[in-house]
Amino acid sequence: MSALKPQDTRALARGAIIAALYTALTVLLAPLSYGEVQIRFSEAFTLLPILMPEAVPALLVGCLLANILGGCTIFDLSLIHISEP
């Protein structure tokens, strides 16, 4: 097994931080983030893939975690990522 290069480690860490920030911001602003009308300020992070490719899977994980913590049903979780970056 080969060791991770420093660039790979940094990209992995940046991805984890993006996922954590997305989840935390969504959950902290829960009254606005969940409901019939959703205002998610964390969606501003969807511009990050333009600059960092590691943001794509990070946003997927962050959105999935935020939806799980917000109480979405399994039906919502299975279809929600069709429109995600």
C-alpha atoms as a PDB file:
ATOM      1  CA  MET A   1       0.000   0.000   0.000  1.00  0.00           C
ATOM      2  CA  SER A   2       1.427   3.377  -0.947  1.00  0.00           C
ATOM      3  CA  ALA A   3       1.483   6.342   1.383  1.00  0.00           C
ATOM      4  CA  LEU A   4      -0.616   9.418   0.667  1.00  0.00           C
ATOM      5  CA  LYS A   5       1.191  12.339  -0.875  1.00  0.00           C
ATOM      6  CA  PRO A   6       1.041  15.636   1.044  1.00  0.00           C
ATOM      7  CA  GLN A   7      -1.178  17.104  -1.686  1.00  0.00           C
ATOM      8  CA  ASP A   8      -3.637  14.210  -1.338  1.00  0.00           C
ATOM      9  CA  THR A   9      -3.714  14.613   2.431  1.00  0.00           C
ATOM     10  CA  ARG A  10      -4.427  18.336   2.124  1.00  0.00           C
ATOM     11  CA  ALA A  11      -7.213  17.725  -0.386  1.00  0.00           C
ATOM     12  CA  LEU A  12      -8.755  15.087   1.870  1.00  0.00           C
ATOM     13  CA  ALA A  13      -8.584  17.435   4.859  1.00  0.00           C
ATOM     14  CA  ARG A  14     -10.111  20.310   2.855  1.00  0.00           C
ATOM     15  CA  GLY A  15     -12.919  18.026   1.739  1.00  0.00           C
ATOM     16  CA  ALA A  16     -13.632  16.960   5.318  1.00  0.00           C
ATOM     17  CA  ILE A  17     -13.668  20.584   6.481  1.00  0.00           C
ATOM     18  CA  ILE A  18     -16.074  21.583   3.685  1.00  0.00           C
ATOM     19  CA  ALA A  19     -18.434  18.718   4.565  1.00  0.00           C
ATOM     20  CA  ALA A  20     -18.302  19.621   8.260  1.00  0.00           C
ATOM     21  CA  LEU A  21     -18.925  23.321   7.601  1.00  0.00           C
ATOM     22  CA  TYR A  22     -21.847  22.586   5.294  1.00  0.00           C
ATOM     23  CA  THR A  23     -23.422  20.268   7.857  1.00  0.00           C
ATOM     24  CA  ALA A  24     -22.784  22.581  10.808  1.00  0.00           C
ATOM     25  CA  LEU A  25     -24.138  25.678   9.074  1.00  0.00           C
ATOM     26  CA  THR A  26     -27.254  23.851   7.932  1.00  0.00           C
ATOM     27  CA  VAL A  27     -27.968  22.357  11.361  1.00  0.00           C
ATOM     28  CA  LEU A  28     -27.214  25.586  13.242  1.00  0.00           C
ATOM     29  CA  LEU A  29     -29.691  27.460  11.068  1.00  0.00           C
ATOM     30  CA  ALA A  30     -32.237  24.625  11.298  1.00  0.00           C
ATOM     31  CA  PRO A  31     -35.363  26.824  11.472  1.00  0.00           C
ATOM     32  CA  LEU A  32     -34.480  28.219   8.058  1.00  0.00           C
ATOM     33  CA  SER A  33     -32.870  25.090   6.614  1.00  0.00           C
ATOM     34  CA  TYR A  34     -35.719  22.616   7.019  1.00  0.00           C
ATOM     35  CA  GLY A  35     -39.390  22.845   6.227  1.00  0.00           C
ATOM     36  CA  GLU A  36     -41.649  23.529   3.281  1.00  0.00           C
ATOM     37  CA  VAL A  37     -39.634  26.585   2.299  1.00  0.00           C
ATOM     38  CA  GLN A  38     -35.910  26.099   2.793  1.00  0.00           C
ATOM     39  CA  ILE A  39     -33.307  28.827   2.938  1.00  0.00           C
ATOM     40  CA  ARG A  40     -29.919  27.159   3.180  1.00  0.00           C
ATOM     41  CA  PHE A  41     -27.064  29.602   3.470  1.00  0.00           C
ATOM     42  CA  SER A  42     -24.724  26.620   3.290  1.00  0.00           C
ATOM     43  CA  GLU A  43     -25.626  26.274  -0.398  1.00  0.00           C
ATOM     44  CA  ALA A  44     -23.116  29.064  -1.019  1.00  0.00           C
ATOM     45  CA  PHE A  45     -20.504  26.304  -0.687  1.00  0.00           C
ATOM     46  CA  THR A  46     -21.721  24.863  -4.001  1.00  0.00           C
ATOM     47  CA  LEU A  47     -19.486  27.404  -5.741  1.00  0.00           C
ATOM     48  CA  LEU A  48     -16.363  25.755  -4.301  1.00  0.00           C
ATOM     49  CA  PRO A  49     -16.064  22.999  -6.960  1.00  0.00           C
ATOM     50  CA  ILE A  50     -15.028  25.729  -9.402  1.00  0.00           C
ATOM     51  CA  LEU A  51     -11.870  26.207  -7.340  1.00  0.00           C
ATOM     52  CA  MET A  52     -11.421  22.835  -5.631  1.00  0.00           C
ATOM     53  CA  PRO A  53     -12.498  19.524  -7.183  1.00  0.00           C
ATOM     54  CA  GLU A  54     -12.467  17.830  -3.773  1.00  0.00           C
ATOM     55  CA  ALA A  55     -15.481  19.948  -2.845  1.00  0.00           C
ATOM     56  CA  VAL A  56     -17.794  17.829  -5.013  1.00  0.00           C
ATOM     57  CA  PRO A  57     -17.834  14.681  -2.837  1.00  0.00           C
ATOM     58  CA  ALA A  58     -17.518  16.860   0.276  1.00  0.00           C
ATOM     59  CA  LEU A  59     -20.755  18.681  -0.558  1.00  0.00           C
ATOM     60  CA  LEU A  60     -22.494  15.387  -1.235  1.00  0.00           C
ATOM     61  CA  VAL A  61     -21.439  14.053   2.185  1.00  0.00           C
ATOM     62  CA  GLY A  62     -22.249  17.356   3.913  1.00  0.00           C
ATOM     63  CA  CYS A  63     -25.722  17.533   2.385  1.00  0.00           C
ATOM     64  CA  LEU A  64     -26.406  13.885   3.219  1.00  0.00           C
ATOM     65  CA  LEU A  65     -25.352  14.376   6.841  1.00  0.00           C
ATOM     66  CA  ALA A  66     -27.357  17.588   7.170  1.00  0.00           C
ATOM     67  CA  ASN A  67     -30.449  15.862   5.820  1.00  0.00           C
ATOM     68  CA  ILE A  68     -30.023  12.873   8.136  1.00  0.00           C
ATOM     69  CA  LEU A  69     -29.577  15.143  11.150  1.00  0.00           C
ATOM     70  CA  GLY A  70     -32.544  17.238  10.049  1.00  0.00           C
ATOM     71  CA  GLY A  71     -34.897  14.276  10.122  1.00  0.00           C
ATOM     72  CA  CYS A  72     -35.451  13.555   6.441  1.00  0.00           C
ATOM     73  CA  THR A  73     -37.117  10.290   5.501  1.00  0.00           C
ATOM     74  CA  ILE A  74     -35.330   7.550   3.578  1.00  0.00           C
ATOM     75  CA  PHE A  75     -37.327   8.527   0.475  1.00  0.00           C
ATOM     76  CA  ASP A  76     -36.001  12.086   0.682  1.00  0.00           C
ATOM     77  CA  LEU A  77     -32.444  10.892   1.221  1.00  0.00           C
ATOM     78  CA  SER A  78     -32.474   8.592  -1.799  1.00  0.00           C
ATOM     79  CA  LEU A  79     -33.694  11.270  -4.228  1.00  0.00           C
ATOM     80  CA  ILE A  80     -32.158  14.410  -2.778  1.00  0.00           C
ATOM     81  CA  HIS A  81     -28.734  14.024  -4.394  1.00  0.00           C
ATOM     82  CA  ILE A  82     -29.974  13.930  -7.959  1.00  0.00           C
ATOM     83  CA  SER A  83     -29.834  17.729  -8.038  1.00  0.00           C
ATOM     84  CA  GLU A  84     -26.650  18.146  -5.955  1.00  0.00           C
ATOM     85  CA  PRO A  85     -23.319  19.004  -7.595  1.00  0.00           C
END
